[in-house]
Amino acid sequence: LPLAVGALGAELFGEVVADARVYVL
């Protein structure tokens, strides 16, 4: 558990941008 929550924490506390979307024509 500590390792798993730590990995999720690294993602949460490292967020740079939100709502990323890719468009392909």
mmCIF file of all heavy atoms, coordinates in Angstrom:
data_MODEL
# 
_entry.id   MODEL 
# 
loop_
_atom_site.group_PDB 
_atom_site.id 
_atom_site.type_symbol 
_atom_site.label_atom_id 
_atom_site.label_alt_id 
_atom_site.label_comp_id 
_atom_site.label_asym_id 
_atom_site.label_entity_id 
_atom_site.label_seq_id 
_atom_site.pdbx_PDB_ins_code 
_atom_site.Cartn_x 
_atom_site.Cartn_y 
_atom_site.Cartn_z 
_atom_site.occupancy 
_atom_site.B_iso_or_equiv 
_atom_site.pdbx_formal_charge 
_atom_site.auth_seq_id 
_atom_site.auth_comp_id 
_atom_site.auth_asym_id 
_atom_site.auth_atom_id 
_atom_site.pdbx_PDB_model_num 
ATOM 1   N N   . LEU A 1 1  ? 0.795   -1.231 0.000   1.00 0.00 ? 1  LEU A N   1 
ATOM 2   C CA  . LEU A 1 1  ? 0.000   0.000  0.000   1.00 0.00 ? 1  LEU A CA  1 
ATOM 3   C C   . LEU A 1 1  ? 0.828   1.282  0.000   1.00 0.00 ? 1  LEU A C   1 
ATOM 4   O O   . LEU A 1 1  ? 0.566   2.185  -0.807  1.00 0.00 ? 1  LEU A O   1 
ATOM 5   C CB  . LEU A 1 1  ? -0.952  0.014  1.194   1.00 0.00 ? 1  LEU A CB  1 
ATOM 6   C CG  . LEU A 1 1  ? -2.382  -0.463 0.962   1.00 0.00 ? 1  LEU A CG  1 
ATOM 7   C CD1 . LEU A 1 1  ? -3.194  -0.322 2.228   1.00 0.00 ? 1  LEU A CD1 1 
ATOM 8   C CD2 . LEU A 1 1  ? -3.017  0.325  -0.164  1.00 0.00 ? 1  LEU A CD2 1 
ATOM 9   N N   . PRO A 1 2  ? 1.814   1.422  0.892   1.00 0.00 ? 2  PRO A N   1 
ATOM 10  C CA  . PRO A 1 2  ? 2.581   2.681  0.893   1.00 0.00 ? 2  PRO A CA  1 
ATOM 11  C C   . PRO A 1 2  ? 3.226   2.985  -0.453  1.00 0.00 ? 2  PRO A C   1 
ATOM 12  O O   . PRO A 1 2  ? 3.226   4.135  -0.904  1.00 0.00 ? 2  PRO A O   1 
ATOM 13  C CB  . PRO A 1 2  ? 3.633   2.443  1.990   1.00 0.00 ? 2  PRO A CB  1 
ATOM 14  C CG  . PRO A 1 2  ? 2.990   1.455  2.913   1.00 0.00 ? 2  PRO A CG  1 
ATOM 15  C CD  . PRO A 1 2  ? 2.213   0.537  2.015   1.00 0.00 ? 2  PRO A CD  1 
ATOM 16  N N   . LEU A 1 3  ? 3.755   1.957  -1.114  1.00 0.00 ? 3  LEU A N   1 
ATOM 17  C CA  . LEU A 1 3  ? 4.382   2.162  -2.420  1.00 0.00 ? 3  LEU A CA  1 
ATOM 18  C C   . LEU A 1 3  ? 3.358   2.592  -3.459  1.00 0.00 ? 3  LEU A C   1 
ATOM 19  O O   . LEU A 1 3  ? 3.595   3.508  -4.251  1.00 0.00 ? 3  LEU A O   1 
ATOM 20  C CB  . LEU A 1 3  ? 5.094   0.881  -2.866  1.00 0.00 ? 3  LEU A CB  1 
ATOM 21  C CG  . LEU A 1 3  ? 5.794   0.937  -4.226  1.00 0.00 ? 3  LEU A CG  1 
ATOM 22  C CD1 . LEU A 1 3  ? 6.916   1.970  -4.208  1.00 0.00 ? 3  LEU A CD1 1 
ATOM 23  C CD2 . LEU A 1 3  ? 6.340   -0.439 -4.599  1.00 0.00 ? 3  LEU A CD2 1 
ATOM 24  N N   . ALA A 1 4  ? 2.187   1.936  -3.439  1.00 0.00 ? 4  ALA A N   1 
ATOM 25  C CA  . ALA A 1 4  ? 1.153   2.259  -4.424  1.00 0.00 ? 4  ALA A CA  1 
ATOM 26  C C   . ALA A 1 4  ? 0.627   3.679  -4.223  1.00 0.00 ? 4  ALA A C   1 
ATOM 27  O O   . ALA A 1 4  ? 0.480   4.441  -5.189  1.00 0.00 ? 4  ALA A O   1 
ATOM 28  C CB  . ALA A 1 4  ? 0.007   1.258  -4.313  1.00 0.00 ? 4  ALA A CB  1 
ATOM 29  N N   . VAL A 1 5  ? 0.335   4.038  -2.983  1.00 0.00 ? 5  VAL A N   1 
ATOM 30  C CA  . VAL A 1 5  ? -0.152  5.392  -2.708  1.00 0.00 ? 5  VAL A CA  1 
ATOM 31  C C   . VAL A 1 5  ? 0.945   6.419  -2.997  1.00 0.00 ? 5  VAL A C   1 
ATOM 32  O O   . VAL A 1 5  ? 0.669   7.523  -3.475  1.00 0.00 ? 5  VAL A O   1 
ATOM 33  C CB  . VAL A 1 5  ? -0.650  5.508  -1.253  1.00 0.00 ? 5  VAL A CB  1 
ATOM 34  C CG1 . VAL A 1 5  ? -1.036  6.945  -0.926  1.00 0.00 ? 5  VAL A CG1 1 
ATOM 35  C CG2 . VAL A 1 5  ? -1.846  4.587  -1.029  1.00 0.00 ? 5  VAL A CG2 1 
ATOM 36  N N   . GLY A 1 6  ? 2.197   6.050  -2.734  1.00 0.00 ? 6  GLY A N   1 
ATOM 37  C CA  . GLY A 1 6  ? 3.308   6.942  -3.055  1.00 0.00 ? 6  GLY A CA  1 
ATOM 38  C C   . GLY A 1 6  ? 3.394   7.237  -4.540  1.00 0.00 ? 6  GLY A C   1 
ATOM 39  O O   . GLY A 1 6  ? 3.645   8.372  -4.953  1.00 0.00 ? 6  GLY A O   1 
ATOM 40  N N   . ALA A 1 7  ? 3.168   6.193  -5.376  1.00 0.00 ? 7  ALA A N   1 
ATOM 41  C CA  . ALA A 1 7  ? 3.196   6.397  -6.827  1.00 0.00 ? 7  ALA A CA  1 
ATOM 42  C C   . ALA A 1 7  ? 2.055   7.300  -7.274  1.00 0.00 ? 7  ALA A C   1 
ATOM 43  O O   . ALA A 1 7  ? 2.238   8.192  -8.113  1.00 0.00 ? 7  ALA A O   1 
ATOM 44  C CB  . ALA A 1 7  ? 3.118   5.049  -7.540  1.00 0.00 ? 7  ALA A CB  1 
ATOM 45  N N   . LEU A 1 8  ? 0.864   7.073  -6.709  1.00 0.00 ? 8  LEU A N   1 
ATOM 46  C CA  . LEU A 1 8  ? -0.257  7.953  -7.043  1.00 0.00 ? 8  LEU A CA  1 
ATOM 47  C C   . LEU A 1 8  ? -0.002  9.374  -6.545  1.00 0.00 ? 8  LEU A C   1 
ATOM 48  O O   . LEU A 1 8  ? -0.357  10.352 -7.202  1.00 0.00 ? 8  LEU A O   1 
ATOM 49  C CB  . LEU A 1 8  ? -1.544  7.405  -6.429  1.00 0.00 ? 8  LEU A CB  1 
ATOM 50  C CG  . LEU A 1 8  ? -2.127  6.158  -7.095  1.00 0.00 ? 8  LEU A CG  1 
ATOM 51  C CD1 . LEU A 1 8  ? -3.258  5.578  -6.267  1.00 0.00 ? 8  LEU A CD1 1 
ATOM 52  C CD2 . LEU A 1 8  ? -2.608  6.485  -8.495  1.00 0.00 ? 8  LEU A CD2 1 
ATOM 53  N N   . GLY A 1 9  ? 0.639   9.475  -5.372  1.00 0.00 ? 9  GLY A N   1 
ATOM 54  C CA  . GLY A 1 9  ? 0.973   10.797 -4.846  1.00 0.00 ? 9  GLY A CA  1 
ATOM 55  C C   . GLY A 1 9  ? 1.943   11.537 -5.742  1.00 0.00 ? 9  GLY A C   1 
ATOM 56  O O   . GLY A 1 9  ? 1.825   12.759 -5.928  1.00 0.00 ? 9  GLY A O   1 
ATOM 57  N N   . ALA A 1 10 ? 2.909   10.806 -6.308  1.00 0.00 ? 10 ALA A N   1 
ATOM 58  C CA  . ALA A 1 10 ? 3.860   11.437 -7.225  1.00 0.00 ? 10 ALA A CA  1 
ATOM 59  C C   . ALA A 1 10 ? 3.144   12.007 -8.440  1.00 0.00 ? 10 ALA A C   1 
ATOM 60  O O   . ALA A 1 10 ? 3.499   13.074 -8.950  1.00 0.00 ? 10 ALA A O   1 
ATOM 61  C CB  . ALA A 1 10 ? 4.916   10.425 -7.654  1.00 0.00 ? 10 ALA A CB  1 
ATOM 62  N N   . GLU A 1 11 ? 2.108   11.309 -8.884  1.00 0.00 ? 11 GLU A N   1 
ATOM 63  C CA  . GLU A 1 11 ? 1.331   11.805 -10.011 1.00 0.00 ? 11 GLU A CA  1 
ATOM 64  C C   . GLU A 1 11 ? 0.511   13.021 -9.613  1.00 0.00 ? 11 GLU A C   1 
ATOM 65  O O   . GLU A 1 11 ? 0.481   14.038 -10.320 1.00 0.00 ? 11 GLU A O   1 
ATOM 66  C CB  . GLU A 1 11 ? 0.419   10.682 -10.521 1.00 0.00 ? 11 GLU A CB  1 
ATOM 67  C CG  . GLU A 1 11 ? -0.315  11.016 -11.794 1.00 0.00 ? 11 GLU A CG  1 
ATOM 68  C CD  . GLU A 1 11 ? -1.075  9.829  -12.352 1.00 0.00 ? 11 GLU A CD  1 
ATOM 69  O OE1 . GLU A 1 11 ? -0.974  8.728  -11.780 1.00 0.00 ? 11 GLU A OE1 1 
ATOM 70  O OE2 . GLU A 1 11 ? -1.771  10.007 -13.362 1.00 0.00 ? 11 GLU A OE2 1 
ATOM 71  N N   . LEU A 1 12 ? -0.148  12.947 -8.455  1.00 0.00 ? 12 LEU A N   1 
ATOM 72  C CA  . LEU A 1 12 ? -0.980  14.058 -7.991  1.00 0.00 ? 12 LEU A CA  1 
ATOM 73  C C   . LEU A 1 12 ? -0.150  15.305 -7.710  1.00 0.00 ? 12 LEU A C   1 
ATOM 74  O O   . LEU A 1 12 ? -0.527  16.423 -8.081  1.00 0.00 ? 12 LEU A O   1 
ATOM 75  C CB  . LEU A 1 12 ? -1.729  13.656 -6.722  1.00 0.00 ? 12 LEU A CB  1 
ATOM 76  C CG  . LEU A 1 12 ? -2.814  12.586 -6.853  1.00 0.00 ? 12 LEU A CG  1 
ATOM 77  C CD1 . LEU A 1 12 ? -3.348  12.198 -5.481  1.00 0.00 ? 12 LEU A CD1 1 
ATOM 78  C CD2 . LEU A 1 12 ? -3.946  13.084 -7.729  1.00 0.00 ? 12 LEU A CD2 1 
ATOM 79  N N   . PHE A 1 13 ? 0.992   15.118 -7.045  1.00 0.00 ? 13 PHE A N   1 
ATOM 80  C CA  . PHE A 1 13 ? 1.818   16.254 -6.648  1.00 0.00 ? 13 PHE A CA  1 
ATOM 81  C C   . PHE A 1 13 ? 2.850   16.628 -7.720  1.00 0.00 ? 13 PHE A C   1 
ATOM 82  O O   . PHE A 1 13 ? 3.811   17.320 -7.430  1.00 0.00 ? 13 PHE A O   1 
ATOM 83  C CB  . PHE A 1 13 ? 2.515   15.964 -5.316  1.00 0.00 ? 13 PHE A CB  1 
ATOM 84  C CG  . PHE A 1 13 ? 1.593   15.999 -4.139  1.00 0.00 ? 13 PHE A CG  1 
ATOM 85  C CD1 . PHE A 1 13 ? 0.976   14.851 -3.695  1.00 0.00 ? 13 PHE A CD1 1 
ATOM 86  C CD2 . PHE A 1 13 ? 1.321   17.192 -3.489  1.00 0.00 ? 13 PHE A CD2 1 
ATOM 87  C CE1 . PHE A 1 13 ? 0.112   14.872 -2.613  1.00 0.00 ? 13 PHE A CE1 1 
ATOM 88  C CE2 . PHE A 1 13 ? 0.458   17.230 -2.408  1.00 0.00 ? 13 PHE A CE2 1 
ATOM 89  C CZ  . PHE A 1 13 ? -0.157  16.067 -1.965  1.00 0.00 ? 13 PHE A CZ  1 
ATOM 90  N N   . GLY A 1 14 ? 2.639   16.159 -8.920  1.00 0.00 ? 14 GLY A N   1 
ATOM 91  C CA  . GLY A 1 14 ? 3.515   16.540 -10.022 1.00 0.00 ? 14 GLY A CA  1 
ATOM 92  C C   . GLY A 1 14 ? 2.748   17.067 -11.219 1.00 0.00 ? 14 GLY A C   1 
ATOM 93  O O   . GLY A 1 14 ? 3.310   17.269 -12.294 1.00 0.00 ? 14 GLY A O   1 
ATOM 94  N N   . GLU A 1 15 ? 1.444   17.292 -11.037 1.00 0.00 ? 15 GLU A N   1 
ATOM 95  C CA  . GLU A 1 15 ? 0.602   17.700 -12.158 1.00 0.00 ? 15 GLU A CA  1 
ATOM 96  C C   . GLU A 1 15 ? 1.003   19.083 -12.675 1.00 0.00 ? 15 GLU A C   1 
ATOM 97  O O   . GLU A 1 15 ? 1.166   20.022 -11.906 1.00 0.00 ? 15 GLU A O   1 
ATOM 98  C CB  . GLU A 1 15 ? -0.865  17.698 -11.732 1.00 0.00 ? 15 GLU A CB  1 
ATOM 99  C CG  . GLU A 1 15 ? -1.814  18.031 -12.860 1.00 0.00 ? 15 GLU A CG  1 
ATOM 100 C CD  . GLU A 1 15 ? -3.268  17.888 -12.460 1.00 0.00 ? 15 GLU A CD  1 
ATOM 101 O OE1 . GLU A 1 15 ? -3.628  16.823 -11.909 1.00 0.00 ? 15 GLU A OE1 1 
ATOM 102 O OE2 . GLU A 1 15 ? -4.034  18.843 -12.684 1.00 0.00 ? 15 GLU A OE2 1 
ATOM 103 N N   . VAL A 1 16 ? 1.135   19.153 -13.995 1.00 0.00 ? 16 VAL A N   1 
ATOM 104 C CA  . VAL A 1 16 ? 1.526   20.405 -14.649 1.00 0.00 ? 16 VAL A CA  1 
ATOM 105 C C   . VAL A 1 16 ? 0.356   21.000 -15.430 1.00 0.00 ? 16 VAL A C   1 
ATOM 106 O O   . VAL A 1 16 ? 0.097   22.202 -15.362 1.00 0.00 ? 16 VAL A O   1 
ATOM 107 C CB  . VAL A 1 16 ? 2.738   20.175 -15.575 1.00 0.00 ? 16 VAL A CB  1 
ATOM 108 C CG1 . VAL A 1 16 ? 3.040   21.431 -16.392 1.00 0.00 ? 16 VAL A CG1 1 
ATOM 109 C CG2 . VAL A 1 16 ? 3.954   19.767 -14.759 1.00 0.00 ? 16 VAL A CG2 1 
ATOM 110 N N   . VAL A 1 17 ? -0.340  20.161 -16.190 1.00 0.00 ? 17 VAL A N   1 
ATOM 111 C CA  . VAL A 1 17 ? -1.494  20.651 -16.960 1.00 0.00 ? 17 VAL A CA  1 
ATOM 112 C C   . VAL A 1 17 ? -2.670  19.709 -16.739 1.00 0.00 ? 17 VAL A C   1 
ATOM 113 O O   . VAL A 1 17 ? -2.501  18.542 -16.362 1.00 0.00 ? 17 VAL A O   1 
ATOM 114 C CB  . VAL A 1 17 ? -1.184  20.760 -18.472 1.00 0.00 ? 17 VAL A CB  1 
ATOM 115 C CG1 . VAL A 1 17 ? 0.015   21.644 -18.718 1.00 0.00 ? 17 VAL A CG1 1 
ATOM 116 C CG2 . VAL A 1 17 ? -0.985  19.383 -19.104 1.00 0.00 ? 17 VAL A CG2 1 
ATOM 117 N N   . ALA A 1 18 ? -3.871  20.226 -16.971 1.00 0.00 ? 18 ALA A N   1 
ATOM 118 C CA  . ALA A 1 18 ? -5.094  19.444 -16.839 1.00 0.00 ? 18 ALA A CA  1 
ATOM 119 C C   . ALA A 1 18 ? -5.887  19.527 -18.142 1.00 0.00 ? 18 ALA A C   1 
ATOM 120 O O   . ALA A 1 18 ? -5.577  20.322 -19.032 1.00 0.00 ? 18 ALA A O   1 
ATOM 121 C CB  . ALA A 1 18 ? -5.929  19.963 -15.667 1.00 0.00 ? 18 ALA A CB  1 
ATOM 122 N N   . ASP A 1 19 ? -6.885  18.661 -18.244 1.00 0.00 ? 19 ASP A N   1 
ATOM 123 C CA  . ASP A 1 19 ? -7.828  18.681 -19.381 1.00 0.00 ? 19 ASP A CA  1 
ATOM 124 C C   . ASP A 1 19 ? -7.115  18.604 -20.728 1.00 0.00 ? 19 ASP A C   1 
ATOM 125 O O   . ASP A 1 19 ? -7.490  19.296 -21.684 1.00 0.00 ? 19 ASP A O   1 
ATOM 126 C CB  . ASP A 1 19 ? -8.701  19.940 -19.338 1.00 0.00 ? 19 ASP A CB  1 
ATOM 127 C CG  . ASP A 1 19 ? -9.466  20.063 -18.037 1.00 0.00 ? 19 ASP A CG  1 
ATOM 128 O OD1 . ASP A 1 19 ? -9.918  19.021 -17.532 1.00 0.00 ? 19 ASP A OD1 1 
ATOM 129 O OD2 . ASP A 1 19 ? -9.598  21.183 -17.514 1.00 0.00 ? 19 ASP A OD2 1 
ATOM 130 N N   . ALA A 1 20 ? -6.092  17.770 -20.818 1.00 0.00 ? 20 ALA A N   1 
ATOM 131 C CA  . ALA A 1 20 ? -5.388  17.608 -22.089 1.00 0.00 ? 20 ALA A CA  1 
ATOM 132 C C   . ALA A 1 20 ? -6.262  16.817 -23.064 1.00 0.00 ? 20 ALA A C   1 
ATOM 133 O O   . ALA A 1 20 ? -6.894  15.829 -22.693 1.00 0.00 ? 20 ALA A O   1 
ATOM 134 C CB  . ALA A 1 20 ? -4.062  16.881 -21.874 1.00 0.00 ? 20 ALA A CB  1 
ATOM 135 N N   . ARG A 1 21 ? -6.298  17.269 -24.288 1.00 0.00 ? 21 ARG A N   1 
ATOM 136 C CA  . ARG A 1 21 ? -7.088  16.598 -25.330 1.00 0.00 ? 21 ARG A CA  1 
ATOM 137 C C   . ARG A 1 21 ? -6.313  16.642 -26.640 1.00 0.00 ? 21 ARG A C   1 
ATOM 138 O O   . ARG A 1 21 ? -5.638  17.627 -26.945 1.00 0.00 ? 21 ARG A O   1 
ATOM 139 C CB  . ARG A 1 21 ? -8.464  17.263 -25.485 1.00 0.00 ? 21 ARG A CB  1 
ATOM 140 C CG  . ARG A 1 21 ? -9.373  16.554 -26.478 1.00 0.00 ? 21 ARG A CG  1 
ATOM 141 C CD  . ARG A 1 21 ? -10.746 17.204 -26.550 1.00 0.00 ? 21 ARG A CD  1 
ATOM 142 N NE  . ARG A 1 21 ? -11.587 16.856 -25.412 1.00 0.00 ? 21 ARG A NE  1 
ATOM 143 C CZ  . ARG A 1 21 ? -12.387 15.784 -25.359 1.00 0.00 ? 21 ARG A CZ  1 
ATOM 144 N NH1 . ARG A 1 21 ? -12.429 14.944 -26.391 1.00 0.00 ? 21 ARG A NH1 1 
ATOM 145 N NH2 . ARG A 1 21 ? -13.130 15.546 -24.311 1.00 0.00 ? 21 ARG A NH2 1 
ATOM 146 N N   . VAL A 1 22 ? -6.415  15.567 -27.398 1.00 0.00 ? 22 VAL A N   1 
ATOM 147 C CA  . VAL A 1 22 ? -5.755  15.460 -28.702 1.00 0.00 ? 22 VAL A CA  1 
ATOM 148 C C   . VAL A 1 22 ? -6.824  15.362 -29.783 1.00 0.00 ? 22 VAL A C   1 
ATOM 149 O O   . VAL A 1 22 ? -7.793  14.592 -29.652 1.00 0.00 ? 22 VAL A O   1 
ATOM 150 C CB  . VAL A 1 22 ? -4.824  14.229 -28.751 1.00 0.00 ? 22 VAL A CB  1 
ATOM 151 C CG1 . VAL A 1 22 ? -4.336  13.974 -30.176 1.00 0.00 ? 22 VAL A CG1 1 
ATOM 152 C CG2 . VAL A 1 22 ? -3.643  14.425 -27.808 1.00 0.00 ? 22 VAL A CG2 1 
ATOM 153 N N   . TYR A 1 23 ? -6.655  16.139 -30.853 1.00 0.00 ? 23 TYR A N   1 
ATOM 154 C CA  . TYR A 1 23 ? -7.580  16.138 -31.993 1.00 0.00 ? 23 TYR A CA  1 
ATOM 155 C C   . TYR A 1 23 ? -6.824  15.639 -33.229 1.00 0.00 ? 23 TYR A C   1 
ATOM 156 O O   . TYR A 1 23 ? -5.702  16.078 -33.497 1.00 0.00 ? 23 TYR A O   1 
ATOM 157 C CB  . TYR A 1 23 ? -8.105  17.545 -32.276 1.00 0.00 ? 23 TYR A CB  1 
ATOM 158 C CG  . TYR A 1 23 ? -8.787  18.214 -31.103 1.00 0.00 ? 23 TYR A CG  1 
ATOM 159 C CD1 . TYR A 1 23 ? -8.039  18.836 -30.106 1.00 0.00 ? 23 TYR A CD1 1 
ATOM 160 C CD2 . TYR A 1 23 ? -10.175 18.227 -31.002 1.00 0.00 ? 23 TYR A CD2 1 
ATOM 161 C CE1 . TYR A 1 23 ? -8.655  19.453 -29.026 1.00 0.00 ? 23 TYR A CE1 1 
ATOM 162 C CE2 . TYR A 1 23 ? -10.802 18.849 -29.927 1.00 0.00 ? 23 TYR A CE2 1 
ATOM 163 C CZ  . TYR A 1 23 ? -10.033 19.460 -28.948 1.00 0.00 ? 23 TYR A CZ  1 
ATOM 164 O OH  . TYR A 1 23 ? -10.636 20.066 -27.881 1.00 0.00 ? 23 TYR A OH  1 
ATOM 165 N N   . VAL A 1 24 ? -7.454  14.738 -33.991 1.00 0.00 ? 24 VAL A N   1 
ATOM 166 C CA  . VAL A 1 24 ? -6.832  14.194 -35.197 1.00 0.00 ? 24 VAL A CA  1 
ATOM 167 C C   . VAL A 1 24 ? -7.802  14.347 -36.361 1.00 0.00 ? 24 VAL A C   1 
ATOM 168 O O   . VAL A 1 24 ? -8.940  13.853 -36.300 1.00 0.00 ? 24 VAL A O   1 
ATOM 169 C CB  . VAL A 1 24 ? -6.454  12.716 -35.021 1.00 0.00 ? 24 VAL A CB  1 
ATOM 170 C CG1 . VAL A 1 24 ? -5.812  12.182 -36.300 1.00 0.00 ? 24 VAL A CG1 1 
ATOM 171 C CG2 . VAL A 1 24 ? -5.508  12.536 -33.841 1.00 0.00 ? 24 VAL A CG2 1 
ATOM 172 N N   . LEU A 1 25 ? -7.357  15.033 -37.418 1.00 0.00 ? 25 LEU A N   1 
ATOM 173 C CA  . LEU A 1 25 ? -8.143  15.183 -38.640 1.00 0.00 ? 25 LEU A CA  1 
ATOM 174 C C   . LEU A 1 25 ? -7.486  14.345 -39.735 1.00 0.00 ? 25 LEU A C   1 
ATOM 175 O O   . LEU A 1 25 ? -6.378  14.660 -40.182 1.00 0.00 ? 25 LEU A O   1 
ATOM 176 C CB  . LEU A 1 25 ? -8.196  16.653 -39.063 1.00 0.00 ? 25 LEU A CB  1 
ATOM 177 C CG  . LEU A 1 25 ? -8.922  16.945 -40.383 1.00 0.00 ? 25 LEU A CG  1 
ATOM 178 C CD1 . LEU A 1 25 ? -10.399 16.583 -40.275 1.00 0.00 ? 25 LEU A CD1 1 
ATOM 179 C CD2 . LEU A 1 25 ? -8.769  18.418 -40.761 1.00 0.00 ? 25 LEU A CD2 1 
# 
